[in-house]
C-alpha atoms as a PDB file:
ATOM      1  CA  MET A   1     109.689 150.583 131.593  1.00  0.00           C
ATOM      2  CA  ALA A   2     107.604 151.686 128.627  1.00  0.00           C
ATOM      3  CA  LEU A   3     110.770 152.014 126.550  1.00  0.00           C
ATOM      4  CA  LEU A   4     112.070 148.622 127.616  1.00  0.00           C
ATOM      5  CA  SER A   5     108.751 146.986 126.721  1.00  0.00           C
ATOM      6  CA  LYS A   6     109.191 148.166 123.138  1.00  0.00           C
ATOM      7  CA  ILE A   7     112.663 146.629 122.793  1.00  0.00           C
ATOM      8  CA  ARG A   8     112.197 143.085 121.574  1.00  0.00           C
ATOM      9  CA  LEU A   9     115.341 141.013 121.125  1.00  0.00           C
ATOM     10  CA  ASP A  10     115.006 138.415 118.391  1.00  0.00           C
ATOM     11  CA  LYS A  11     115.894 134.803 119.219  1.00  0.00           C
ATOM     12  CA  PHE A  12     119.177 134.940 117.333  1.00  0.00           C
ATOM     13  CA  THR A  13     120.317 138.012 119.277  1.00  0.00           C
ATOM     14  CA  LEU A  14     119.474 136.216 122.516  1.00  0.00           C
ATOM     15  CA  ALA A  15     121.500 133.241 121.248  1.00  0.00           C
ATOM     16  CA  LEU A  16     124.448 135.558 120.541  1.00  0.00           C
ATOM     17  CA  ILE A  17     124.259 136.992 124.051  1.00  0.00           C
ATOM     18  CA  GLY A  18     124.069 133.493 125.514  1.00  0.00           C
ATOM     19  CA  THR A  19     127.083 132.415 123.449  1.00  0.00           C
ATOM     20  CA  VAL A  20     129.153 135.339 124.727  1.00  0.00           C
ATOM     21  CA  VAL A  21     128.147 134.530 128.323  1.00  0.00           C
ATOM     22  CA  LEU A  22     128.993 130.844 127.842  1.00  0.00           C
ATOM     23  CA  ALA A  23     132.389 131.697 126.344  1.00  0.00           C
ATOM     24  CA  SER A  24     133.043 134.049 129.268  1.00  0.00           C
ATOM     25  CA  VAL A  25     132.252 131.353 131.853  1.00  0.00           C
ATOM     26  CA  LEU A  26     133.466 128.212 130.056  1.00  0.00           C
ATOM     27  CA  PRO A  27     135.910 129.254 127.310  1.00  0.00           C
ATOM     28  CA  VAL A  28     137.307 126.560 125.063  1.00  0.00           C
ATOM     29  CA  HIS A  29     141.115 126.423 125.039  1.00  0.00           C
ATOM     30  CA  GLY A  30     144.093 124.231 124.273  1.00  0.00           C
ATOM     31  CA  LYS A  31     143.656 121.263 121.932  1.00  0.00           C
ATOM     32  CA  ALA A  32     139.884 121.535 122.235  1.00  0.00           C
ATOM     33  CA  ALA A  33     140.125 125.069 120.836  1.00  0.00           C
ATOM     34  CA  ASP A  34     142.154 123.814 117.859  1.00  0.00           C
ATOM     35  CA  MET A  35     139.564 121.130 117.094  1.00  0.00           C
ATOM     36  CA  PHE A  36     136.729 123.618 117.535  1.00  0.00           C
ATOM     37  CA  GLY A  37     138.511 126.036 115.177  1.00  0.00           C
ATOM     38  CA  THR A  38     138.713 123.382 112.454  1.00  0.00           C
ATOM     39  CA  ALA A  39     135.014 122.606 112.853  1.00  0.00           C
ATOM     40  CA  THR A  40     134.248 126.329 112.683  1.00  0.00           C
ATOM     41  CA  ASN A  41     136.170 126.716 109.422  1.00  0.00           C
ATOM     42  CA  ILE A  42     134.117 123.885 107.906  1.00  0.00           C
ATOM     43  CA  ALA A  43     130.884 125.496 109.149  1.00  0.00           C
ATOM     44  CA  VAL A  44     131.872 128.868 107.625  1.00  0.00           C
ATOM     45  CA  ALA A  45     132.549 127.209 104.277  1.00  0.00           C
ATOM     46  CA  ALA A  46     129.116 125.555 104.476  1.00  0.00           C
ATOM     47  CA  LEU A  47     127.549 128.939 105.295  1.00  0.00           C
ATOM     48  CA  PHE A  48     128.922 130.621 102.164  1.00  0.00           C
ATOM     49  CA  PHE A  49     128.143 127.572 100.027  1.00  0.00           C
ATOM     50  CA  LEU A  50     124.501 127.935 101.060  1.00  0.00           C
ATOM     51  CA  HIS A  51     124.633 131.669 100.355  1.00  0.00           C
ATOM     52  CA  GLY A  52     125.715 130.796  96.831  1.00  0.00           C
ATOM     53  CA  VAL A  53     122.963 128.206  96.450  1.00  0.00           C
ATOM     54  CA  ASN A  54     120.297 130.639  97.685  1.00  0.00           C
ATOM     55  CA  LEU A  55     121.335 133.609  95.544  1.00  0.00           C
ATOM     56  CA  SER A  56     119.109 133.710  92.478  1.00  0.00           C
ATOM     57  CA  ARG A  57     120.863 135.144  89.428  1.00  0.00           C
ATOM     58  CA  GLU A  58     117.474 135.730  87.810  1.00  0.00           C
ATOM     59  CA  ALA A  59     116.302 137.840  90.764  1.00  0.00           C
ATOM     60  CA  MET A  60     119.529 139.835  90.666  1.00  0.00           C
ATOM     61  CA  THR A  61     119.341 140.617  86.957  1.00  0.00           C
ATOM     62  CA  ALA A  62     115.691 141.709  87.281  1.00  0.00           C
ATOM     63  CA  GLY A  63     116.802 144.856  89.104  1.00  0.00           C
ATOM     64  CA  LEU A  64     120.001 145.628  87.190  1.00  0.00           C
ATOM     65  CA  GLY A  65     118.475 148.538  85.288  1.00  0.00           C
ATOM     66  CA  HIS A  66     118.432 150.794  88.363  1.00  0.00           C
ATOM     67  CA  TRP A  67     122.164 151.512  88.137  1.00  0.00           C
ATOM     68  CA  ARG A  68     121.940 154.927  89.847  1.00  0.00           C
ATOM     69  CA  LEU A  69     120.256 153.331  92.846  1.00  0.00           C
ATOM     70  CA  HIS A  70     122.874 150.570  93.034  1.00  0.00           C
ATOM     71  CA  LEU A  71     125.735 153.072  92.869  1.00  0.00           C
ATOM     72  CA  LEU A  72     124.253 155.096  95.724  1.00  0.00           C
ATOM     73  CA  VAL A  73     123.745 151.965  97.853  1.00  0.00           C
ATOM     74  CA  LEU A  74     127.374 150.976  97.263  1.00  0.00           C
ATOM     75  CA  ALA A  75     128.523 154.542  97.988  1.00  0.00           C
ATOM     76  CA  SER A  76     126.690 154.499 101.315  1.00  0.00           C
ATOM     77  CA  THR A  77     128.011 151.042 102.183  1.00  0.00           C
ATOM     78  CA  PHE A  78     131.656 151.422 101.172  1.00  0.00           C
ATOM     79  CA  LEU A  79     132.251 155.223 101.268  1.00  0.00           C
ATOM     80  CA  LEU A  80     129.903 156.964 103.727  1.00  0.00           C
ATOM     81  CA  PHE A  81     130.134 154.303 106.429  1.00  0.00           C
ATOM     82  CA  PRO A  82     133.967 154.050 106.333  1.00  0.00           C
ATOM     83  CA  ALA A  83     134.270 157.862 106.399  1.00  0.00           C
ATOM     84  CA  LEU A  84     132.176 157.917 109.594  1.00  0.00           C
ATOM     85  CA  GLY A  85     134.220 155.037 111.003  1.00  0.00           C
ATOM     86  CA  LEU A  86     137.420 156.978 110.421  1.00  0.00           C
ATOM     87  CA  LEU A  87     136.009 159.936 112.356  1.00  0.00           C
ATOM     88  CA  VAL A  88     135.488 157.635 115.338  1.00  0.00           C
ATOM     89  CA  GLN A  89     139.188 156.737 115.290  1.00  0.00           C
ATOM     90  CA  GLY A  90     139.967 160.288 116.381  1.00  0.00           C
ATOM     91  CA  LEU A  91     138.507 159.681 119.840  1.00  0.00           C
ATOM     92  CA  PRO A  92     141.121 159.255 122.573  1.00  0.00           C
ATOM     93  CA  ASP A  93     141.688 155.800 124.076  1.00  0.00           C
ATOM     94  CA  SER A  94     140.379 157.070 127.415  1.00  0.00           C
ATOM     95  CA  VAL A  95     136.957 157.592 125.779  1.00  0.00           C
ATOM     96  CA  LEU A  96     136.824 154.582 123.434  1.00  0.00           C
ATOM     97  CA  SER A  97     139.309 151.729 123.727  1.00  0.00           C
ATOM     98  CA  LYS A  98     141.355 150.890 120.639  1.00  0.00           C
ATOM     99  CA  PRO A  99     139.842 147.398 120.089  1.00  0.00           C
ATOM    100  CA  LEU A 100     136.278 148.783 120.122  1.00  0.00           C
ATOM    101  CA  ALA A 101     137.249 151.702 117.858  1.00  0.00           C
ATOM    102  CA  THR A 102     138.764 149.163 115.472  1.00  0.00           C
ATOM    103  CA  GLY A 103     135.560 147.128 115.677  1.00  0.00           C
ATOM    104  CA  ILE A 104     133.443 150.144 114.713  1.00  0.00           C
ATOM    105  CA  LEU A 105     135.699 150.886 111.731  1.00  0.00           C
ATOM    106  CA  TYR A 106     135.568 147.215 110.761  1.00  0.00           C
ATOM    107  CA  LEU A 107     131.761 147.101 110.760  1.00  0.00           C
ATOM    108  CA  CYS A 108     131.819 150.240 108.581  1.00  0.00           C
ATOM    109  CA  CYS A 109     133.854 148.313 105.970  1.00  0.00           C
ATOM    110  CA  LEU A 110     131.367 145.430 105.714  1.00  0.00           C
ATOM    111  CA  PRO A 111     128.821 144.805 102.929  1.00  0.00           C
ATOM    112  CA  SER A 112     125.073 145.158 103.304  1.00  0.00           C
ATOM    113  CA  THR A 113     122.865 142.319 104.470  1.00  0.00           C
ATOM    114  CA  VAL A 114     120.810 140.375 101.937  1.00  0.00           C
ATOM    115  CA  GLN A 115     117.830 138.803 103.718  1.00  0.00           C
ATOM    116  CA  SER A 116     116.874 141.656 106.057  1.00  0.00           C
ATOM    117  CA  SER A 117     117.444 144.377 103.431  1.00  0.00           C
ATOM    118  CA  ILE A 118     115.051 142.616 101.069  1.00  0.00           C
ATOM    119  CA  ALA A 119     112.565 141.756 103.819  1.00  0.00           C
ATOM    120  CA  PHE A 120     112.313 145.316 105.154  1.00  0.00           C
ATOM    121  CA  THR A 121     112.123 146.759 101.634  1.00  0.00           C
ATOM    122  CA  SER A 122     109.230 144.400 100.895  1.00  0.00           C
ATOM    123  CA  ILE A 123     107.397 145.290 104.132  1.00  0.00           C
ATOM    124  CA  ALA A 124     107.839 149.010 103.411  1.00  0.00           C
ATOM    125  CA  ARG A 125     106.460 148.621  99.840  1.00  0.00           C
ATOM    126  CA  GLY A 126     109.797 149.478  98.227  1.00  0.00           C
ATOM    127  CA  ASN A 127     111.426 148.292  94.996  1.00  0.00           C
ATOM    128  CA  VAL A 128     112.064 144.641  95.849  1.00  0.00           C
ATOM    129  CA  PRO A 129     113.813 143.553  92.580  1.00  0.00           C
ATOM    130  CA  ALA A 130     116.235 146.473  92.945  1.00  0.00           C
ATOM    131  CA  ALA A 131     116.788 145.590  96.624  1.00  0.00           C
ATOM    132  CA  ILE A 132     117.646 142.006  95.696  1.00  0.00           C
ATOM    133  CA  CYS A 133     120.157 143.245  93.136  1.00  0.00           C
ATOM    134  CA  SER A 134     121.708 145.917  95.372  1.00  0.00           C
ATOM    135  CA  ALA A 135     122.039 143.753  98.471  1.00  0.00           C
ATOM    136  CA  SER A 136     123.384 140.783  96.503  1.00  0.00           C
ATOM    137  CA  LEU A 137     125.879 142.954  94.612  1.00  0.00           C
ATOM    138  CA  SER A 138     127.065 144.498  97.886  1.00  0.00           C
ATOM    139  CA  ASN A 139     127.654 141.044  99.368  1.00  0.00           C
ATOM    140  CA  LEU A 140     129.531 139.833  96.299  1.00  0.00           C
ATOM    141  CA  LEU A 141     131.781 142.894  96.245  1.00  0.00           C
ATOM    142  CA  GLY A 142     132.277 142.678 100.001  1.00  0.00           C
ATOM    143  CA  VAL A 143     134.305 139.484  99.618  1.00  0.00           C
ATOM    144  CA  PHE A 144     136.953 141.588  97.848  1.00  0.00           C
ATOM    145  CA  VAL A 145     136.305 145.153  99.059  1.00  0.00           C
ATOM    146  CA  THR A 146     136.159 144.463 102.809  1.00  0.00           C
ATOM    147  CA  PRO A 147     139.602 142.777 103.073  1.00  0.00           C
ATOM    148  CA  PHE A 148     141.100 145.555 100.941  1.00  0.00           C
ATOM    149  CA  MET A 149     139.562 148.276 103.135  1.00  0.00           C
ATOM    150  CA  VAL A 150     140.648 146.506 106.329  1.00  0.00           C
ATOM    151  CA  SER A 151     144.200 146.396 104.985  1.00  0.00           C
ATOM    152  CA  LEU A 152     144.044 150.041 103.893  1.00  0.00           C
ATOM    153  CA  LEU A 153     142.311 151.598 106.918  1.00  0.00           C
ATOM    154  CA  ILE A 154     143.216 149.365 109.879  1.00  0.00           C
ATOM    155  CA  HIS A 155     146.973 149.503 109.428  1.00  0.00           C
ATOM    156  CA  ALA A 156     148.434 148.128 112.616  1.00  0.00           C
ATOM    157  CA  ASN A 157     146.003 145.376 113.561  1.00  0.00           C
ATOM    158  CA  GLY A 158     144.216 144.042 110.532  1.00  0.00           C
ATOM    159  CA  THR A 159     146.700 143.954 107.678  1.00  0.00           C
ATOM    160  CA  VAL A 160     145.676 141.372 105.099  1.00  0.00           C
ATOM    161  CA  THR A 161     148.393 138.764 104.569  1.00  0.00           C
ATOM    162  CA  LEU A 162     148.804 136.073 101.944  1.00  0.00           C
ATOM    163  CA  ASP A 163     147.559 133.530 104.500  1.00  0.00           C
ATOM    164  CA  SER A 164     144.382 135.535 105.147  1.00  0.00           C
ATOM    165  CA  ILE A 165     143.787 135.945 101.402  1.00  0.00           C
ATOM    166  CA  GLU A 166     144.150 132.174 101.001  1.00  0.00           C
ATOM    167  CA  SER A 167     141.689 131.614 103.865  1.00  0.00           C
ATOM    168  CA  ILE A 168     139.184 134.032 102.303  1.00  0.00           C
ATOM    169  CA  VAL A 169     139.430 132.227  98.972  1.00  0.00           C
ATOM    170  CA  LEU A 170     139.115 128.729 100.473  1.00  0.00           C
ATOM    171  CA  GLN A 171     136.508 129.422 103.166  1.00  0.00           C
ATOM    172  CA  ILE A 172     134.384 132.067 101.440  1.00  0.00           C
ATOM    173  CA  LEU A 173     134.932 132.584  97.725  1.00  0.00           C
ATOM    174  CA  VAL A 174     135.302 128.969  96.537  1.00  0.00           C
ATOM    175  CA  PRO A 175     132.290 127.631  98.515  1.00  0.00           C
ATOM    176  CA  PHE A 176     130.186 130.589  97.357  1.00  0.00           C
ATOM    177  CA  CYS A 177     131.113 130.050  93.697  1.00  0.00           C
ATOM    178  CA  VAL A 178     130.427 126.323  93.949  1.00  0.00           C
ATOM    179  CA  GLY A 179     127.046 127.107  95.482  1.00  0.00           C
ATOM    180  CA  GLN A 180     126.277 129.498  92.636  1.00  0.00           C
ATOM    181  CA  LEU A 181     127.211 126.860  90.058  1.00  0.00           C
ATOM    182  CA  LEU A 182     124.820 124.424  91.772  1.00  0.00           C
ATOM    183  CA  HIS A 183     122.003 126.951  92.200  1.00  0.00           C
ATOM    184  CA  GLY A 184     120.078 125.500  89.261  1.00  0.00           C
ATOM    185  CA  ARG A 185     120.125 122.039  90.816  1.00  0.00           C
ATOM    186  CA  LEU A 186     119.844 122.888  94.499  1.00  0.00           C
ATOM    187  CA  GLY A 187     117.972 126.210  94.519  1.00  0.00           C
ATOM    188  CA  ALA A 188     114.520 124.636  94.757  1.00  0.00           C
ATOM    189  CA  TRP A 189     115.752 122.200  97.424  1.00  0.00           C
ATOM    190  CA  ALA A 190     117.169 125.128  99.429  1.00  0.00           C
ATOM    191  CA  LYS A 191     113.822 126.956  99.325  1.00  0.00           C
ATOM    192  CA  ARG A 192     111.997 123.856 100.606  1.00  0.00           C
ATOM    193  CA  ASN A 193     114.477 123.438 103.485  1.00  0.00           C
ATOM    194  CA  LYS A 194     114.893 127.018 104.712  1.00  0.00           C
ATOM    195  CA  PRO A 195     114.474 126.146 108.427  1.00  0.00           C
ATOM    196  CA  VAL A 196     117.245 123.538 108.254  1.00  0.00           C
ATOM    197  CA  LEU A 197     119.527 125.825 106.265  1.00  0.00           C
ATOM    198  CA  GLY A 198     118.821 128.605 108.755  1.00  0.00           C
ATOM    199  CA  LEU A 199     120.280 126.411 111.491  1.00  0.00           C
ATOM    200  CA  VAL A 200     123.509 126.082 109.492  1.00  0.00           C
ATOM    201  CA  ASP A 201     123.529 129.820 108.838  1.00  0.00           C
ATOM    202  CA  ARG A 202     123.077 130.852 112.467  1.00  0.00           C
ATOM    203  CA  GLY A 203     124.974 127.919 113.899  1.00  0.00           C
ATOM    204  CA  SER A 204     128.155 128.772 112.007  1.00  0.00           C
ATOM    205  CA  ILE A 205     128.024 132.384 113.230  1.00  0.00           C
ATOM    206  CA  LEU A 206     127.497 131.241 116.831  1.00  0.00           C
ATOM    207  CA  MET A 207     130.488 128.893 116.485  1.00  0.00           C
ATOM    208  CA  VAL A 208     132.723 131.742 115.312  1.00  0.00           C
ATOM    209  CA  VAL A 209     131.491 133.995 118.136  1.00  0.00           C
ATOM    210  CA  PHE A 210     132.064 131.292 120.765  1.00  0.00           C
ATOM    211  CA  GLY A 211     135.580 130.550 119.528  1.00  0.00           C
ATOM    212  CA  ALA A 212     136.469 134.227 119.209  1.00  0.00           C
ATOM    213  CA  PHE A 213     135.240 135.186 122.673  1.00  0.00           C
ATOM    214  CA  SER A 214     136.809 132.097 124.237  1.00  0.00           C
ATOM    215  CA  GLU A 215     140.202 133.189 122.919  1.00  0.00           C
ATOM    216  CA  ALA A 216     139.607 136.788 124.007  1.00  0.00           C
ATOM    217  CA  VAL A 217     138.416 135.790 127.492  1.00  0.00           C
ATOM    218  CA  VAL A 218     141.440 133.554 128.025  1.00  0.00           C
ATOM    219  CA  ARG A 219     143.581 136.614 127.208  1.00  0.00           C
ATOM    220  CA  GLY A 220     141.679 138.828 129.669  1.00  0.00           C
ATOM    221  CA  LEU A 221     139.091 140.519 127.454  1.00  0.00           C
ATOM    222  CA  TRP A 222     136.737 141.779 130.172  1.00  0.00           C
ATOM    223  CA  THR A 223     139.551 143.219 132.269  1.00  0.00           C
ATOM    224  CA  GLN A 224     140.791 145.255 129.281  1.00  0.00           C
ATOM    225  CA  LEU A 225     137.473 146.851 128.241  1.00  0.00           C
ATOM    226  CA  PRO A 226     136.274 149.461 130.760  1.00  0.00           C
ATOM    227  CA  ILE A 227     132.509 149.871 131.180  1.00  0.00           C
ATOM    228  CA  GLU A 228     132.728 153.537 130.141  1.00  0.00           C
ATOM    229  CA  SER A 229     134.242 152.523 126.797  1.00  0.00           C
ATOM    230  CA  LEU A 230     131.490 149.965 126.233  1.00  0.00           C
ATOM    231  CA  ALA A 231     128.851 152.637 126.930  1.00  0.00           C
ATOM    232  CA  VAL A 232     130.464 154.993 124.399  1.00  0.00           C
ATOM    233  CA  MET A 233     130.517 152.195 121.826  1.00  0.00           C
ATOM    234  CA  VAL A 234     126.780 151.611 122.322  1.00  0.00           C
ATOM    235  CA  ALA A 235     126.019 155.309 121.858  1.00  0.00           C
ATOM    236  CA  LEU A 236     128.209 155.528 118.748  1.00  0.00           C
ATOM    237  CA  ASN A 237     126.364 152.622 117.147  1.00  0.00           C
ATOM    238  CA  PHE A 238     123.062 154.444 117.546  1.00  0.00           C
ATOM    239  CA  VAL A 239     124.542 157.682 116.189  1.00  0.00           C
ATOM    240  CA  LEU A 240     126.180 155.884 113.254  1.00  0.00           C
ATOM    241  CA  LEU A 241     122.950 154.221 112.141  1.00  0.00           C
ATOM    242  CA  GLY A 242     120.939 157.413 112.639  1.00  0.00           C
ATOM    243  CA  ILE A 243     123.295 159.450 110.463  1.00  0.00           C
ATOM    244  CA  VAL A 244     123.262 156.903 107.636  1.00  0.00           C
ATOM    245  CA  LEU A 245     119.466 156.497 107.701  1.00  0.00           C
ATOM    246  CA  TRP A 246     119.056 160.274 107.517  1.00  0.00           C
ATOM    247  CA  ALA A 247     121.720 160.667 104.811  1.00  0.00           C
ATOM    248  CA  THR A 248     120.315 157.955 102.537  1.00  0.00           C
ATOM    249  CA  ASP A 249     116.816 159.419 102.796  1.00  0.00           C
ATOM    250  CA  ARG A 250     118.100 162.933 102.012  1.00  0.00           C
ATOM    251  CA  LEU A 251     120.192 161.606  99.124  1.00  0.00           C
ATOM    252  CA  GLY A 252     117.219 159.755  97.657  1.00  0.00           C
ATOM    253  CA  ARG A 253     115.173 162.955  97.726  1.00  0.00           C
ATOM    254  CA  ALA A 254     118.045 165.014  96.274  1.00  0.00           C
ATOM    255  CA  VAL A 255     118.296 162.801  93.177  1.00  0.00           C
ATOM    256  CA  ALA A 256     114.480 162.765  92.818  1.00  0.00           C
ATOM    257  CA  PHE A 257     113.974 159.047  93.382  1.00  0.00           C
ATOM    258  CA  ASN A 258     110.366 157.919  93.662  1.00  0.00           C
ATOM    259  CA  THR A 259     109.179 156.603  97.026  1.00  0.00           C
ATOM    260  CA  GLU A 260     109.842 152.936  96.185  1.00  0.00           C
ATOM    261  CA  ASP A 261     113.457 153.548  95.140  1.00  0.00           C
ATOM    262  CA  ARG A 262     114.083 155.842  98.114  1.00  0.00           C
ATOM    263  CA  ILE A 263     112.878 153.100 100.461  1.00  0.00           C
ATOM    264  CA  THR A 264     115.267 150.648  98.820  1.00  0.00           C
ATOM    265  CA  LEU A 265     118.178 153.063  99.193  1.00  0.00           C
ATOM    266  CA  VAL A 266     117.407 153.612 102.875  1.00  0.00           C
ATOM    267  CA  PHE A 267     117.163 149.931 103.779  1.00  0.00           C
ATOM    268  CA  CYS A 268     119.962 148.555 101.570  1.00  0.00           C
ATOM    269  CA  GLY A 269     122.348 151.439 102.209  1.00  0.00           C
ATOM    270  CA  SER A 270     122.112 151.381 106.007  1.00  0.00           C
ATOM    271  CA  LYS A 271     122.679 147.686 106.764  1.00  0.00           C
ATOM    272  CA  LYS A 272     125.804 145.787 107.757  1.00  0.00           C
ATOM    273  CA  SER A 273     126.068 142.022 107.419  1.00  0.00           C
ATOM    274  CA  LEU A 274     126.642 140.001 110.573  1.00  0.00           C
ATOM    275  CA  ALA A 275     126.664 136.804 108.489  1.00  0.00           C
ATOM    276  CA  SER A 276     129.624 138.034 106.430  1.00  0.00           C
ATOM    277  CA  GLY A 277     131.289 140.139 109.106  1.00  0.00           C
ATOM    278  CA  VAL A 278     131.807 137.575 111.853  1.00  0.00           C
ATOM    279  CA  PRO A 279     133.436 134.883 109.652  1.00  0.00           C
ATOM    280  CA  MET A 280     135.596 137.488 107.882  1.00  0.00           C
ATOM    281  CA  ALA A 281     136.790 138.915 111.201  1.00  0.00           C
ATOM    282  CA  ASN A 282     137.854 135.419 112.191  1.00  0.00           C
ATOM    283  CA  ILE A 283     140.095 135.374 109.110  1.00  0.00           C
ATOM    284  CA  LEU A 284     141.316 138.973 108.948  1.00  0.00           C
ATOM    285  CA  PHE A 285     142.242 139.618 112.599  1.00  0.00           C
ATOM    286  CA  PRO A 286     144.503 137.900 115.131  1.00  0.00           C
ATOM    287  CA  ALA A 287     142.566 135.427 117.282  1.00  0.00           C
ATOM    288  CA  ALA A 288     142.831 137.548 120.424  1.00  0.00           C
ATOM    289  CA  MET A 289     141.295 140.561 118.656  1.00  0.00           C
ATOM    290  CA  VAL A 290     138.261 138.920 117.050  1.00  0.00           C
ATOM    291  CA  GLY A 291     136.072 139.050 120.176  1.00  0.00           C
ATOM    292  CA  PRO A 292     136.282 142.802 120.869  1.00  0.00           C
ATOM    293  CA  VAL A 293     136.294 143.601 117.146  1.00  0.00           C
ATOM    294  CA  VAL A 294     132.942 141.887 116.516  1.00  0.00           C
ATOM    295  CA  LEU A 295     131.270 143.342 119.651  1.00  0.00           C
ATOM    296  CA  PRO A 296     130.217 146.580 117.883  1.00  0.00           C
ATOM    297  CA  LEU A 297     128.931 144.560 114.916  1.00  0.00           C
ATOM    298  CA  MET A 298     126.825 142.296 117.132  1.00  0.00           C
ATOM    299  CA  LEU A 299     125.272 145.338 118.778  1.00  0.00           C
ATOM    300  CA  PHE A 300     124.746 147.140 115.475  1.00  0.00           C
ATOM    301  CA  HIS A 301     122.953 144.036 114.178  1.00  0.00           C
ATOM    302  CA  GLN A 302     120.252 144.339 116.838  1.00  0.00           C
ATOM    303  CA  ILE A 303     119.985 148.133 116.561  1.00  0.00           C
ATOM    304  CA  GLN A 304     119.482 148.014 112.793  1.00  0.00           C
ATOM    305  CA  LEU A 305     116.813 145.326 113.118  1.00  0.00           C
ATOM    306  CA  MET A 306     114.791 147.333 115.652  1.00  0.00           C
ATOM    307  CA  ALA A 307     115.170 150.668 113.847  1.00  0.00           C
ATOM    308  CA  CYS A 308     114.403 149.287 110.385  1.00  0.00           C
ATOM    309  CA  ALA A 309     111.423 147.271 111.612  1.00  0.00           C
ATOM    310  CA  TYR A 310     109.943 150.509 112.980  1.00  0.00           C
ATOM    311  CA  LEU A 311     110.698 152.429 109.762  1.00  0.00           C
ATOM    312  CA  ALA A 312     109.328 149.653 107.547  1.00  0.00           C
ATOM    313  CA  ARG A 313     106.015 149.683 109.426  1.00  0.00           C
ATOM    314  CA  ARG A 314     105.787 153.475 109.060  1.00  0.00           C
ATOM    315  CA  PHE A 315     106.482 153.335 105.315  1.00  0.00           C
ATOM    316  CA  ALA A 316     103.895 150.550 104.927  1.00  0.00           C
ATOM    317  CA  ALA A 317     101.264 152.519 106.860  1.00  0.00           C
ATOM    318  CA  ARG A 318     101.839 155.561 104.632  1.00  0.00           C
ATOM    319  CA  ALA A 319     101.543 153.435 101.490  1.00  0.00           C
ATOM    320  CA  GLU A 320      98.294 151.869 102.717  1.00  0.00           C
ATOM    321  CA  SER A 321      96.881 155.266 103.670  1.00  0.00           C
ATOM    322  CA  LYS A 322      97.762 156.687 100.246  1.00  0.00           C
ATOM    323  CA  ALA A 323      96.245 153.678  98.438  1.00  0.00           C
ATOM    324  CA  SER A 324      93.087 153.963 100.509  1.00  0.00           C
ATOM    325  CA  ALA A 325      92.760 157.662  99.748  1.00  0.00           C
ATOM    326  CA  GLU A 326      93.205 157.057  96.015  1.00  0.00           C
ATOM    327  CA  SER A 327      90.635 154.239  95.928  1.00  0.00           C
ATOM    328  CA  HIS A 328      88.067 156.218  97.963  1.00  0.00           C
ATOM    329  CA  PRO A 329      88.261 159.849  96.774  1.00  0.00           C
ATOM    330  CA  PRO A 330      86.104 162.367  98.679  1.00  0.00           C
ATOM    331  CA  LEU A 331      82.638 162.888  97.264  1.00  0.00           C
ATOM    332  CA  ALA A 332      82.039 166.143  95.422  1.00  0.00           C
ATOM    333  CA  ALA A 333      79.909 168.626  97.319  1.00  0.00           C
END
């Protein structure tokens, strides 16, 4: 009970769980599913347009000088994570079902988050300008790198076709670029209306999740995923995050980063973006696969929030203790 009391699910995670339950009980199908899919595509385009509007080029360029840090963040995001994901693929189907193994490898191919990476770096007293640059660069590259890695590593189920490339360009890249072009005009407006824009952000993800799980449930999702396989997937998510958090901290120490840069490497190099991952999965995978493929990502999202919130508070407490000690040195005897 003491452990459970410490696990606090954020409202968005609860909304995700509720969406999966709703799709399991009342899945959308037939013509209604087609109409819902069109609405979802429009919502995804709006999501990436707002990402473009919100991304400050000035904030990005402020941290460009830390090129070693950025390279290590990208290496963790697009090399270390996929290598670990490939190791998971060696597990037999009787231990981890193929769709969930594919989902774990898919989440390993995704870019870092932007908002939470920056927020946790700030709480932990890390290098915030560098975090903004690293997380933003990871997201930009993810539009191109993630589809390529899915095509390269997930051979049978997620091969990128010309149609999927066209969908990525029209639903993700074009809206994002348009948003960036309009950042100067709409950036201030976006900052003033963050709560409203947050509804679009989360609402579009919930729409994709509902549509994806509706399709999967209609095709018998819950009869094809044994409970033992789901339990293994949960455990692997914890192990995956733990390894990357440890590795990024060790790597930061090995290259003699100061505390602020090491904090940035830990938080930016260990995240995976739900906001990018769910819409991309909807484009890159067959409709029946999207539900089980995004399950590991949805779980990883909550695990990384809880773990990084705990780590950020610990880093902040250390920084405050050090500052207090420096401002109040012990009196000479």
